Amino acid sequence: MNVLYIVVLGMLALAGALTLVRLLRGPDALDRVVALDVFVVLIVAAAAVYIGFYRDGSNIPLLAAVALIGFVGSITAARLVERRERHR
């Protein structure tokens, strides 16, 4: 079972590295916003793997809070991009 957690964390780390590349090289602001949203989802997934590995449910409110912050941030960024496009 430990091998499974290591493999999953390795895949999440690889996905995080690729997301950071998209964040830094993104040609558009919307690409960067999507990359940040994916990065937040990866953080939530890594925290869920941590909770599963240590069987410690005390961090579950942390998952909910980070997911909510990511959701609100994505909605806000999408609205800002939409307003910017309307003014052009």
Protein backbone atom coordinates (compact mmCIF):
# COMPACT_ATOMS: atom_id res chain seq x y z
CA MET A 1 0.00 0.00 0.00
CA ASN A 2 2.91 2.36 0.66
CA VAL A 3 4.05 1.93 -2.93
CA LEU A 4 0.66 3.12 -4.13
CA TYR A 5 0.91 6.33 -2.10
CA ILE A 6 4.43 6.97 -3.39
CA VAL A 7 3.32 6.44 -7.00
CA VAL A 8 0.32 8.74 -6.58
CA LEU A 9 2.41 11.47 -4.95
CA GLY A 10 4.98 11.13 -7.73
CA MET A 11 2.28 11.55 -10.36
CA LEU A 12 0.90 14.57 -8.52
CA ALA A 13 4.39 16.07 -8.34
CA LEU A 14 4.86 15.55 -12.08
CA ALA A 15 1.48 17.13 -12.78
CA GLY A 16 2.45 20.05 -10.52
CA ALA A 17 5.71 20.56 -12.40
CA LEU A 18 3.90 20.57 -15.75
CA THR A 19 1.33 22.99 -14.34
CA LEU A 20 4.09 25.33 -13.20
CA VAL A 21 5.54 25.25 -16.71
CA ARG A 22 2.15 26.25 -18.13
CA LEU A 23 1.86 28.95 -15.47
CA LEU A 24 5.21 30.46 -16.39
CA ARG A 25 4.95 30.06 -20.18
CA GLY A 26 1.24 30.70 -20.61
CA PRO A 27 0.74 33.06 -23.51
CA ASP A 28 -2.49 34.48 -22.12
CA ALA A 29 -3.76 35.57 -18.72
CA LEU A 30 -6.59 33.06 -18.91
CA ASP A 31 -4.08 30.22 -19.40
CA ARG A 32 -2.31 31.30 -16.24
CA VAL A 33 -5.60 31.44 -14.32
CA VAL A 34 -6.47 27.91 -15.42
CA ALA A 35 -2.99 26.73 -14.44
CA LEU A 36 -3.43 28.23 -10.97
CA ASP A 37 -6.80 26.51 -10.66
CA VAL A 38 -5.27 23.17 -11.63
CA PHE A 39 -2.48 23.77 -9.12
CA VAL A 40 -5.04 24.31 -6.34
CA VAL A 41 -6.78 21.07 -7.32
CA LEU A 42 -3.43 19.26 -7.17
CA ILE A 43 -2.79 20.65 -3.69
CA VAL A 44 -6.20 19.40 -2.55
CA ALA A 45 -5.50 15.98 -4.07
CA ALA A 46 -2.10 15.78 -2.38
CA ALA A 47 -3.67 16.71 0.96
CA ALA A 48 -6.28 13.99 0.42
CA VAL A 49 -3.51 11.45 -0.21
CA TYR A 50 -1.82 12.62 2.99
CA ILE A 51 -5.07 12.15 4.92
CA GLY A 52 -5.48 8.68 3.46
CA PHE A 53 -1.91 7.66 4.21
CA TYR A 54 -1.87 8.77 7.84
CA ARG A 55 -5.59 8.06 8.43
CA ASP A 56 -5.96 11.45 10.06
CA GLY A 57 -9.26 13.15 9.36
CA SER A 58 -8.43 16.35 11.22
CA ASN A 59 -7.27 18.02 7.99
CA ILE A 60 -10.54 17.54 6.10
CA PRO A 61 -11.72 21.11 6.86
CA LEU A 62 -8.47 22.28 5.29
CA LEU A 63 -9.42 20.48 2.07
CA ALA A 64 -12.81 22.17 2.02
CA ALA A 65 -11.32 25.61 2.67
CA VAL A 66 -8.63 25.33 -0.01
CA ALA A 67 -11.14 23.98 -2.55
CA LEU A 68 -13.54 26.85 -1.77
CA ILE A 69 -10.78 29.44 -2.13
CA GLY A 70 -9.77 27.92 -5.47
CA PHE A 71 -13.36 27.93 -6.71
CA VAL A 72 -13.99 31.54 -5.70
CA GLY A 73 -10.67 32.61 -7.22
CA SER A 74 -11.47 30.95 -10.53
CA ILE A 75 -14.90 32.53 -10.72
CA THR A 76 -13.47 35.95 -9.90
CA ALA A 77 -10.71 35.66 -12.49
CA ALA A 78 -13.17 34.52 -15.16
CA ARG A 79 -15.39 37.52 -14.48
CA LEU A 80 -12.44 39.89 -14.67
CA VAL A 81 -11.32 38.43 -17.99
CA GLU A 82 -14.88 38.68 -19.32
CA ARG A 83 -15.10 42.36 -18.33
CA ARG A 84 -11.74 43.08 -19.91
CA GLU A 85 -12.88 41.48 -23.18
CA ARG A 86 -16.08 43.56 -23.18
CA HIS A 87 -14.11 46.81 -22.90
CA ARG A 88 -11.96 46.04 -25.94
